Amino acid sequence: MIREYAIIGGGIGGCSIAALLNAKGHDVVLIEKEPSLGGCASTFSHGGNRYNAGATTISGYHEGGIVRRVFETVGITPDVISTDPAITIIQGDKKCVRYRDLERFIVEVEAFYPHPKHREFWTLVHTLGVAFYSIEGHYYSNRSGFMKIRSLLSLYPILKRFWRYLFGNARDFIIRFYGTVTPEYLDFLDAQILIVAQAKSEKVNFFTAALSLGYTFNETHYPLGGMGAVCTSLTSNIPEILTECEVTAITKDTNIYTLSTSKGTIRCKNLIMGTSHYESSQWFSDPSIKQYYQKYEKLNNHQSAFVLYMTIKTPTQYHHHYQLISDEVLPHTLSKSVFVSFSDPSDSFMAPAGYYRVTASIHTDTRFWTVLSKTQYHDQKKALQNFLQQWICDKLGVQNEEITESFAATPKTFGRYIHRTQLGGNALTLANFLPRLPANDTPIKGLYQVGDTAYAAQGWPGVVMGAFNCMRMINGKH
């Protein structure tokens, strides 16, 4: 039997494109090496306790948002609850709450970082976000030089409307805009930009920074049952999903792809990789395909995450998300800030009453971990785990005796479980903009790509945007 579409990787991208193709009546098989779906957005069990692997919040599911559109297209309603505030930011003795309402947030930021330009700045951020998400019709193709140029022309409305914010770095723009700005406030902005853009303000243009800073003005959501439950619900109408199925090799013969897997051989006309561009060439024997992937490996910024997981038993009430900001970049990391997520008290699937499951992540570099000896690795991992745990306890008022479980994951851990060490995908930096990025289609017939290393993809909105772009390439609507 020759399948129409095989999708490798059950992360956000793989689940989204599989659900979209299935909803259009295509023959689809979704393949995931782990027991459950989600990838970087999966939910796993450790010691009988459930945790979100990395991603902990859903943005883009607001009315009119692109994530809501994918669920509406496939006729599924995820089990999520609205969250407001989106983040509580703690910096020194300041505790600034990112409320969804613009006016309420302006009052909040003015109280902690007083400046006469705040209303103008944050209104601009809000306006740019609303304007961008109202523009449709743009796409990005990499099938040929002609198609790349043609697709870039589709971005002309964006260029025309936002050109003044697309050139030069965001940090310089912000300093010019405010006139005078404290290093503390720049750190406050950078910490939030890094969450979404995967880069700091000096590496991205202001348009990218504004979209990153403005995502909390849209409704954000908490997934009941964990992030993995969202991927499971999104794909619930797909007849064939193979979990615990590891692909070991892929060959291409004329127009057929043959996948050697731990559950047998799968043959398909079209192959969609939901894997990282930086680690996809290993499965292929075809020289042209290997060369295609390898030419993008230079984009690998080796950025990843160190994640601390905790179970806390406490009567204290916590918000869903906190961001703690330090004065200095933390040892063995790339960041001054850690993002801390708490399970919802009503989410009995994730944690019983009186308990919280906590996922706390910070940016790091894969090379900080892969070059170490076994002893060095163990010592460094333990040191960072202990530091983050104590910092979180001190800032959020968690007592050490309230922690019933604590462990951590490094880039090497993610490499072992989800076959990738680089996390966060391709940041849209000034040195790494669209013409240089891979698209969701390729010059190889029948080979497509989704996930956070293809097109403009970070987080749920970016990856889902890429899935819709992939559908457009498949349907020839460009």
Protein backbone atom coordinates (compact mmCIF):
# COMPACT_ATOMS: atom_id res chain seq x y z
CA MET A 1 0.00 0.00 0.00
CA ILE A 2 1.29 3.43 -0.96
CA ARG A 3 0.11 6.23 1.31
CA GLU A 4 -0.67 9.69 -0.04
CA TYR A 5 1.00 11.57 2.82
CA ALA A 6 3.30 10.43 5.62
CA ILE A 7 4.15 12.98 8.32
CA ILE A 8 7.19 12.35 10.50
CA GLY A 9 7.05 14.07 13.88
CA GLY A 10 4.02 14.62 16.07
CA GLY A 11 4.90 18.10 17.32
CA ILE A 12 2.74 21.18 16.77
CA GLY A 13 3.70 21.37 13.08
CA GLY A 14 3.24 17.68 12.32
CA CYS A 15 -0.09 17.51 14.15
CA SER A 16 -1.38 20.69 12.47
CA ILE A 17 -0.54 19.68 8.90
CA ALA A 18 -1.78 16.12 9.47
CA ALA A 19 -5.10 17.42 10.83
CA LEU A 20 -5.49 19.91 7.97
CA LEU A 21 -4.76 17.28 5.29
CA ASN A 22 -7.09 14.77 6.92
CA ALA A 23 -9.87 17.37 7.09
CA LYS A 24 -9.52 17.85 3.32
CA GLY A 25 -9.98 14.11 2.74
CA HIS A 26 -6.36 13.18 2.11
CA ASP A 27 -4.92 9.80 3.10
CA VAL A 28 -2.59 10.54 6.02
CA VAL A 29 -0.39 8.60 8.44
CA LEU A 30 1.24 10.50 11.32
CA ILE A 31 4.43 8.98 12.78
CA GLU A 32 5.83 9.82 16.23
CA LYS A 33 8.73 8.06 17.97
CA GLU A 34 7.52 8.85 21.51
CA PRO A 35 4.47 7.27 23.23
CA SER A 36 2.54 10.55 23.00
CA LEU A 37 2.25 13.54 20.68
CA GLY A 38 3.58 17.04 21.21
CA GLY A 39 7.35 17.08 20.71
CA CYS A 40 8.57 20.28 22.39
CA ALA A 41 4.94 20.81 23.42
CA SER A 42 4.39 17.35 24.85
CA THR A 43 3.30 16.23 28.30
CA PHE A 44 5.17 13.39 30.00
CA SER A 45 5.13 11.40 33.22
CA HIS A 46 8.02 11.23 35.70
CA GLY A 47 7.72 9.32 38.93
CA GLY A 48 3.98 9.16 38.42
CA ASN A 49 3.76 12.97 38.10
CA ARG A 50 2.82 14.76 34.87
CA TYR A 51 4.75 17.70 33.42
CA ASN A 52 4.75 19.84 30.30
CA ALA A 53 8.04 19.23 28.52
CA GLY A 54 8.70 22.81 27.42
CA ALA A 55 5.85 24.85 25.95
CA THR A 56 3.22 25.66 28.56
CA THR A 57 0.89 28.23 27.06
CA ILE A 58 -1.16 28.64 23.90
CA SER A 59 -1.17 31.96 22.10
CA GLY A 60 -3.06 32.57 18.88
CA TYR A 61 -6.29 30.88 20.01
CA HIS A 62 -8.06 34.22 20.50
CA GLU A 63 -11.04 35.13 18.30
CA GLY A 64 -9.68 35.43 14.76
CA GLY A 65 -6.29 34.00 15.75
CA ILE A 66 -4.48 31.59 13.45
CA VAL A 67 -4.37 28.79 16.05
CA ARG A 68 -8.12 29.03 16.53
CA ARG A 69 -8.47 28.87 12.74
CA VAL A 70 -6.71 25.49 12.52
CA PHE A 71 -9.01 24.01 15.16
CA GLU A 72 -12.09 25.49 13.48
CA THR A 73 -10.92 24.14 10.11
CA VAL A 74 -10.70 20.58 11.43
CA GLY A 75 -13.84 20.88 13.59
CA ILE A 76 -12.18 20.38 16.98
CA THR A 77 -12.55 22.45 20.16
CA PRO A 78 -9.58 22.07 22.53
CA ASP A 79 -10.07 21.98 26.29
CA VAL A 80 -8.45 25.29 27.24
CA ILE A 81 -9.14 28.13 29.65
CA SER A 82 -8.41 31.80 29.14
CA THR A 83 -5.53 33.26 31.13
CA ASP A 84 -5.21 36.86 32.27
CA PRO A 85 -2.66 38.03 33.20
CA ALA A 86 -0.48 36.28 30.66
CA ILE A 87 2.73 36.81 32.66
CA THR A 88 3.75 38.30 35.99
CA ILE A 89 7.26 39.73 35.61
CA ILE A 90 9.49 39.97 38.68
CA GLN A 91 12.61 42.08 38.40
CA GLY A 92 14.39 42.99 41.61
CA ASP A 93 11.70 44.33 43.94
CA LYS A 94 9.30 45.06 41.06
CA LYS A 95 6.36 42.82 40.16
CA CYS A 96 4.83 44.02 36.88
CA VAL A 97 1.75 42.20 35.63
CA ARG A 98 1.15 41.80 31.87
CA TYR A 99 -2.60 42.33 31.77
CA ARG A 100 -4.37 41.77 28.46
CA ASP A 101 -6.10 45.15 28.59
CA LEU A 102 -3.84 47.86 27.15
CA GLU A 103 -4.97 50.61 29.50
CA ARG A 104 -4.61 48.45 32.57
CA PHE A 105 -1.13 47.38 31.54
CA ILE A 106 -0.01 50.96 30.82
CA VAL A 107 -0.93 51.89 34.40
CA GLU A 108 1.02 48.85 35.61
CA VAL A 109 4.20 49.54 33.63
CA GLU A 110 4.11 53.24 34.52
CA ALA A 111 4.04 52.36 38.22
CA PHE A 112 7.26 50.35 38.02
CA TYR A 113 9.18 51.91 35.13
CA PRO A 114 7.94 55.54 34.99
CA HIS A 115 8.37 57.30 31.63
CA PRO A 116 6.21 59.84 29.74
CA LYS A 117 6.49 57.88 26.48
CA HIS A 118 4.95 54.61 27.74
CA ARG A 119 1.45 55.27 26.41
CA GLU A 120 2.74 56.11 22.93
CA PHE A 121 5.14 53.14 22.86
CA TRP A 122 2.74 50.45 24.05
CA THR A 123 -0.08 51.81 21.90
CA LEU A 124 2.25 51.44 18.91
CA VAL A 125 3.07 47.85 19.93
CA HIS A 126 -0.63 47.06 20.25
CA THR A 127 -1.49 48.75 16.93
CA LEU A 128 1.23 46.93 14.98
CA GLY A 129 0.00 43.56 16.27
CA VAL A 130 -3.61 44.22 15.30
CA ALA A 131 -2.58 45.53 11.87
CA PHE A 132 -0.27 42.61 11.07
CA TYR A 133 -2.76 39.87 11.89
CA SER A 134 -5.38 41.57 9.70
CA ILE A 135 -3.23 41.13 6.56
CA GLU A 136 -3.72 37.95 4.55
CA GLY A 137 -2.56 36.53 1.22
CA HIS A 138 1.17 36.40 1.90
CA TYR A 139 3.06 33.12 1.57
CA TYR A 140 6.58 31.79 1.19
CA SER A 141 7.83 29.16 -1.25
CA ASN A 142 11.24 27.61 -1.83
CA ARG A 143 10.40 25.24 -4.66
CA SER A 144 12.41 27.24 -7.19
CA GLY A 145 14.09 30.62 -7.56
CA PHE A 146 11.08 31.91 -9.50
CA MET A 147 8.63 30.75 -6.81
CA LYS A 148 10.75 32.29 -4.07
CA ILE A 149 10.74 35.68 -5.80
CA ARG A 150 7.03 35.40 -6.52
CA SER A 151 6.24 34.55 -2.90
CA LEU A 152 8.40 37.38 -1.59
CA LEU A 153 6.32 39.75 -3.75
CA SER A 154 3.25 38.54 -1.86
CA LEU A 155 4.82 40.13 1.23
CA TYR A 156 4.71 43.58 -0.42
CA PRO A 157 1.63 44.73 1.58
CA ILE A 158 3.54 44.02 4.79
CA LEU A 159 6.65 45.78 3.49
CA LYS A 160 4.62 48.80 2.34
CA ARG A 161 2.74 49.16 5.61
CA PHE A 162 5.53 48.43 8.09
CA TRP A 163 8.74 49.33 6.24
CA ARG A 164 9.82 51.92 8.83
CA TYR A 165 9.96 49.18 11.49
CA LEU A 166 11.72 46.52 9.39
CA PHE A 167 15.21 47.97 9.12
CA GLY A 168 17.70 48.53 11.90
CA ASN A 169 17.66 46.76 15.22
CA ALA A 170 14.91 47.06 17.81
CA ARG A 171 17.17 48.15 20.64
CA ASP A 172 18.31 51.27 18.74
CA PHE A 173 14.69 51.99 17.77
CA ILE A 174 13.53 51.71 21.39
CA ILE A 175 16.30 53.98 22.68
CA ARG A 176 15.53 56.60 20.00
CA PHE A 177 11.81 56.35 20.72
CA TYR A 178 12.12 56.85 24.47
CA GLY A 179 15.03 59.30 24.38
CA THR A 180 16.35 58.03 27.68
CA VAL A 181 15.78 54.51 28.92
CA THR A 182 17.29 52.61 31.85
CA PRO A 183 19.22 49.34 31.42
CA GLU A 184 16.70 47.77 33.79
CA TYR A 185 13.80 48.62 31.47
CA LEU A 186 15.72 47.34 28.44
CA ASP A 187 16.21 44.04 30.30
CA PHE A 188 12.47 44.03 31.02
CA LEU A 189 11.73 44.35 27.29
CA ASP A 190 14.47 41.95 26.19
CA ALA A 191 13.25 39.19 28.47
CA GLN A 192 9.81 39.32 26.85
CA ILE A 193 11.13 39.61 23.30
CA LEU A 194 13.35 36.56 23.84
CA ILE A 195 10.36 34.39 24.83
CA VAL A 196 8.70 34.84 21.43
CA ALA A 197 11.37 35.93 18.94
CA GLN A 198 14.10 33.63 20.32
CA ALA A 199 16.48 36.58 20.09
CA LYS A 200 17.12 39.82 21.95
CA SER A 201 16.31 43.34 20.78
CA GLU A 202 19.73 44.06 19.24
CA LYS A 203 19.31 41.03 16.92
CA VAL A 204 15.80 41.69 15.56
CA ASN A 205 14.00 44.58 13.89
CA PHE A 206 11.40 46.56 15.81
CA PHE A 207 8.51 44.99 13.91
CA THR A 208 9.51 41.53 15.16
CA ALA A 209 10.07 42.95 18.65
CA ALA A 210 6.66 44.64 18.66
CA LEU A 211 4.87 41.42 17.69
CA SER A 212 6.77 39.66 20.48
CA LEU A 213 5.96 42.30 23.08
CA GLY A 214 2.34 42.49 21.98
CA TYR A 215 1.33 38.83 22.07
CA THR A 216 0.00 39.22 25.62
CA PHE A 217 -2.54 41.79 24.41
CA ASN A 218 -4.28 38.88 22.69
CA GLU A 219 -6.09 36.26 24.70
CA THR A 220 -3.75 33.49 25.83
CA HIS A 221 -4.88 30.07 27.03
CA TYR A 222 -3.95 27.34 29.48
CA PRO A 223 -4.37 23.76 28.16
CA LEU A 224 -6.27 21.55 30.58
CA GLY A 225 -4.61 18.15 30.73
CA GLY A 226 -1.29 19.54 29.53
CA MET A 227 0.08 20.72 26.21
CA GLY A 228 0.15 17.18 24.86
CA ALA A 229 -3.62 16.94 25.27
CA VAL A 230 -4.03 19.79 22.78
CA CYS A 231 -2.04 17.93 20.13
CA THR A 232 -4.01 14.75 20.87
CA SER A 233 -7.34 16.55 20.44
CA LEU A 234 -6.19 18.30 17.26
CA THR A 235 -5.42 14.93 15.64
CA SER A 236 -8.37 12.99 17.09
CA ASN A 237 -10.08 12.61 13.70
CA ILE A 238 -7.02 11.09 11.99
CA PRO A 239 -7.58 7.34 11.44
CA GLU A 240 -3.92 6.28 11.64
CA ILE A 241 -1.40 7.65 14.11
CA LEU A 242 1.68 5.54 14.83
CA THR A 243 3.28 6.35 18.19
CA GLU A 244 6.41 4.66 19.53
CA CYS A 245 7.34 4.32 15.88
CA GLU A 246 10.90 5.37 15.16
CA VAL A 247 12.00 6.11 11.60
CA THR A 248 15.48 4.75 10.97
CA ALA A 249 16.02 5.46 7.26
CA ILE A 250 14.30 7.10 4.28
CA THR A 251 14.96 6.31 0.62
CA LYS A 252 13.47 7.89 -2.50
CA ASP A 253 12.87 5.96 -5.70
CA THR A 254 11.41 8.02 -8.55
CA ASN A 255 8.28 9.48 -6.94
CA ILE A 256 7.95 7.15 -3.94
CA TYR A 257 9.46 7.57 -0.48
CA THR A 258 10.17 4.42 1.52
CA LEU A 259 10.37 4.80 5.29
CA SER A 260 12.07 2.10 7.34
CA THR A 261 10.57 2.22 10.83
CA SER A 262 10.48 0.21 14.05
CA LYS A 263 6.97 -0.87 13.06
CA GLY A 264 7.71 -1.89 9.49
CA THR A 265 8.01 -0.23 6.10
CA ILE A 266 5.83 2.69 5.00
CA ARG A 267 5.71 3.88 1.40
CA CYS A 268 4.24 7.25 0.42
CA LYS A 269 3.94 9.65 -2.50
CA ASN A 270 4.46 12.75 -0.34
CA LEU A 271 6.59 13.13 2.76
CA ILE A 272 6.23 15.93 5.31
CA MET A 273 9.02 16.30 7.83
CA GLY A 274 8.00 17.73 11.18
CA THR A 275 11.59 17.55 12.33
CA SER A 276 14.33 20.16 12.61
CA HIS A 277 16.15 21.15 9.41
CA TYR A 278 19.37 20.81 11.38
CA GLU A 279 18.88 17.15 12.16
CA SER A 280 16.82 15.84 9.21
CA SER A 281 19.55 14.88 6.76
CA GLN A 282 20.54 11.87 8.90
CA TRP A 283 17.53 9.83 7.75
CA PHE A 284 18.06 10.22 4.00
CA SER A 285 20.35 8.38 1.61
CA ASP A 286 19.47 10.49 -1.46
CA PRO A 287 22.41 12.91 -2.04
CA SER A 288 20.22 15.77 -3.32
CA ILE A 289 17.99 15.62 -0.23
CA LYS A 290 20.95 15.43 2.14
CA GLN A 291 22.50 18.41 0.36
CA TYR A 292 19.25 20.38 0.64
CA TYR A 293 19.11 19.99 4.40
CA GLN A 294 22.82 20.41 4.96
CA LYS A 295 22.89 23.83 3.28
CA TYR A 296 20.59 25.12 6.02
CA GLU A 297 22.61 23.68 8.88
CA LYS A 298 24.64 26.90 8.90
CA LEU A 299 21.53 28.65 10.26
CA ASN A 300 21.73 26.56 13.42
CA ASN A 301 22.30 29.00 16.29
CA HIS A 302 22.69 26.09 18.76
CA GLN A 303 20.16 27.81 21.00
CA SER A 304 18.28 25.49 23.30
CA ALA A 305 16.75 25.28 26.76
CA PHE A 306 17.55 24.14 30.25
CA VAL A 307 14.34 23.14 32.00
CA LEU A 308 13.66 22.62 35.69
CA TYR A 309 10.62 20.53 36.65
CA MET A 310 9.09 20.59 40.13
CA THR A 311 6.07 19.32 42.02
CA ILE A 312 5.01 21.65 44.81
CA LYS A 313 2.49 20.95 47.57
CA THR A 314 1.25 24.29 48.87
CA PRO A 315 -1.94 26.21 49.74
CA THR A 316 -0.49 29.35 48.10
CA GLN A 317 -2.29 30.53 44.96
CA TYR A 318 -0.10 31.21 41.93
CA HIS A 319 -0.65 32.74 38.50
CA HIS A 320 -0.05 30.51 35.48
CA HIS A 321 3.18 32.20 34.36
CA TYR A 322 6.01 34.20 35.88
CA GLN A 323 9.18 35.62 34.41
CA LEU A 324 12.06 36.26 36.81
CA ILE A 325 14.73 38.68 35.60
CA SER A 326 18.26 38.88 37.03
CA ASP A 327 20.86 41.65 36.68
CA GLU A 328 23.33 39.33 34.94
CA VAL A 329 23.24 36.50 32.43
CA LEU A 330 23.06 33.33 34.50
CA PRO A 331 25.97 30.85 34.38
CA HIS A 332 25.71 28.16 31.66
CA THR A 333 22.82 30.04 29.99
CA LEU A 334 22.20 32.78 27.40
CA SER A 335 19.68 34.73 29.42
CA LYS A 336 19.02 36.87 32.46
CA SER A 337 15.51 35.48 32.83
CA VAL A 338 13.70 32.24 33.61
CA PHE A 339 10.09 31.56 32.55
CA VAL A 340 8.15 29.70 35.26
CA SER A 341 4.80 28.02 34.57
CA PHE A 342 2.37 26.57 37.11
CA SER A 343 -0.41 24.09 36.43
CA ASP A 344 -3.96 25.32 37.03
CA PRO A 345 -5.45 24.33 40.44
CA SER A 346 -8.53 22.96 38.64
CA ASP A 347 -6.44 20.72 36.36
CA SER A 348 -6.65 17.45 38.28
CA PHE A 349 -5.17 15.54 35.34
CA MET A 350 -1.89 17.41 35.72
CA ALA A 351 -1.84 17.55 39.54
CA PRO A 352 -4.15 16.57 42.43
CA ALA A 353 -5.73 19.26 44.60
CA GLY A 354 -3.17 21.13 46.66
CA TYR A 355 -0.30 20.40 44.25
CA TYR A 356 1.27 22.30 41.35
CA ARG A 357 3.37 20.99 38.50
CA VAL A 358 6.01 23.55 37.57
CA THR A 359 8.00 23.90 34.32
CA ALA A 360 10.76 26.53 34.47
CA SER A 361 12.86 27.14 31.35
CA ILE A 362 15.82 29.30 30.44
CA HIS A 363 17.73 29.73 27.16
CA THR A 364 21.08 28.03 26.85
CA ASP A 365 23.53 26.91 24.15
CA THR A 366 23.82 23.24 23.19
CA ARG A 367 27.62 23.60 23.16
CA PHE A 368 27.62 24.49 26.86
CA TRP A 369 26.59 20.86 27.48
CA THR A 370 27.70 18.60 24.64
CA VAL A 371 31.45 19.14 25.11
CA LEU A 372 31.54 18.19 28.81
CA SER A 373 32.80 15.00 30.35
CA LYS A 374 30.25 12.90 32.21
CA THR A 375 31.34 14.28 35.57
CA GLN A 376 31.44 17.88 34.36
CA TYR A 377 28.00 17.50 32.79
CA HIS A 378 26.49 16.07 35.99
CA ASP A 379 28.04 18.79 38.17
CA GLN A 380 27.01 21.64 35.86
CA LYS A 381 23.46 20.31 35.51
CA LYS A 382 23.07 19.95 39.26
CA ALA A 383 24.51 23.42 39.94
CA LEU A 384 22.11 25.16 37.54
CA GLN A 385 19.17 23.09 38.79
CA ASN A 386 19.91 24.06 42.39
CA PHE A 387 20.41 27.73 41.52
CA LEU A 388 17.13 28.01 39.59
CA GLN A 389 15.21 26.12 42.24
CA GLN A 390 16.44 28.42 45.01
CA TRP A 391 15.89 31.56 42.92
CA ILE A 392 12.31 30.54 42.16
CA CYS A 393 11.67 29.68 45.81
CA ASP A 394 13.05 33.01 47.00
CA LYS A 395 11.15 35.14 44.46
CA LEU A 396 7.81 33.29 44.56
CA GLY A 397 7.71 32.43 48.23
CA VAL A 398 7.96 28.67 47.77
CA GLN A 399 9.27 26.83 50.82
CA ASN A 400 11.91 24.18 50.13
CA GLU A 401 9.95 21.65 52.17
CA GLU A 402 6.96 22.20 49.83
CA ILE A 403 8.92 20.73 46.89
CA THR A 404 8.12 17.02 46.61
CA GLU A 405 9.98 16.36 43.34
CA SER A 406 12.62 18.23 41.36
CA PHE A 407 14.67 17.27 38.29
CA ALA A 408 16.04 18.96 35.17
CA ALA A 409 16.59 18.56 31.44
CA THR A 410 19.45 19.88 29.31
CA PRO A 411 19.79 20.07 25.51
CA LYS A 412 21.24 16.55 25.65
CA THR A 413 18.07 15.35 27.39
CA PHE A 414 15.90 16.79 24.63
CA GLY A 415 18.15 15.21 22.03
CA ARG A 416 17.57 11.83 23.60
CA TYR A 417 13.78 12.10 23.82
CA ILE A 418 12.68 14.27 20.87
CA HIS A 419 15.68 13.88 18.53
CA ARG A 420 16.66 17.53 18.63
CA THR A 421 19.01 19.57 20.75
CA GLN A 422 18.40 22.98 19.15
CA LEU A 423 15.08 24.35 20.39
CA GLY A 424 13.10 27.41 19.41
CA GLY A 425 13.73 27.19 15.68
CA ASN A 426 14.93 29.92 13.34
CA ALA A 427 14.83 33.34 14.95
CA LEU A 428 13.88 36.07 12.49
CA THR A 429 17.03 38.08 13.11
CA LEU A 430 18.42 40.87 10.96
CA ALA A 431 21.07 38.45 9.66
CA ASN A 432 18.57 35.67 9.12
CA PHE A 433 15.50 37.07 7.36
CA LEU A 434 12.99 35.41 5.04
CA PRO A 435 14.93 35.10 1.77
CA ARG A 436 17.55 33.08 3.64
CA LEU A 437 15.13 30.86 5.52
CA PRO A 438 13.80 27.48 4.37
CA ALA A 439 10.15 27.35 3.37
CA ASN A 440 7.50 24.66 3.87
CA ASP A 441 8.02 23.29 0.37
CA THR A 442 11.33 22.19 -1.14
CA PRO A 443 12.87 21.79 -4.60
CA ILE A 444 12.48 18.00 -4.14
CA LYS A 445 9.21 16.69 -5.51
CA GLY A 446 6.83 15.50 -2.81
CA LEU A 447 9.01 16.66 0.10
CA TYR A 448 7.64 19.27 2.52
CA GLN A 449 8.64 20.61 5.91
CA VAL A 450 6.75 22.00 8.90
CA GLY A 451 7.87 23.05 12.38
CA ASP A 452 9.81 25.89 13.91
CA THR A 453 12.78 25.81 11.50
CA ALA A 454 10.63 26.40 8.39
CA TYR A 455 9.18 29.76 7.37
CA ALA A 456 8.45 32.35 10.09
CA ALA A 457 7.86 29.89 12.88
CA GLN A 458 8.13 30.40 16.62
CA GLY A 459 5.56 29.12 19.08
CA TRP A 460 2.05 27.95 18.27
CA PRO A 461 1.13 30.88 15.95
CA GLY A 462 4.31 30.69 13.87
CA VAL A 463 4.27 26.92 13.47
CA VAL A 464 0.56 26.86 12.62
CA MET A 465 1.14 29.68 10.11
CA GLY A 466 3.73 27.40 8.53
CA ALA A 467 1.23 24.52 8.38
CA PHE A 468 -1.27 26.71 6.54
CA ASN A 469 1.53 27.87 4.24
CA CYS A 470 2.39 24.22 3.58
CA MET A 471 -1.24 23.51 2.67
CA ARG A 472 -1.14 26.39 0.26
CA MET A 473 1.97 24.97 -1.39
CA ILE A 474 0.37 21.52 -1.62
CA ASN A 475 -2.83 22.90 -3.10
CA GLY A 476 -0.95 25.14 -5.54
CA LYS A 477 -2.81 28.23 -4.32
CA HIS A 478 -0.07 30.77 -4.83
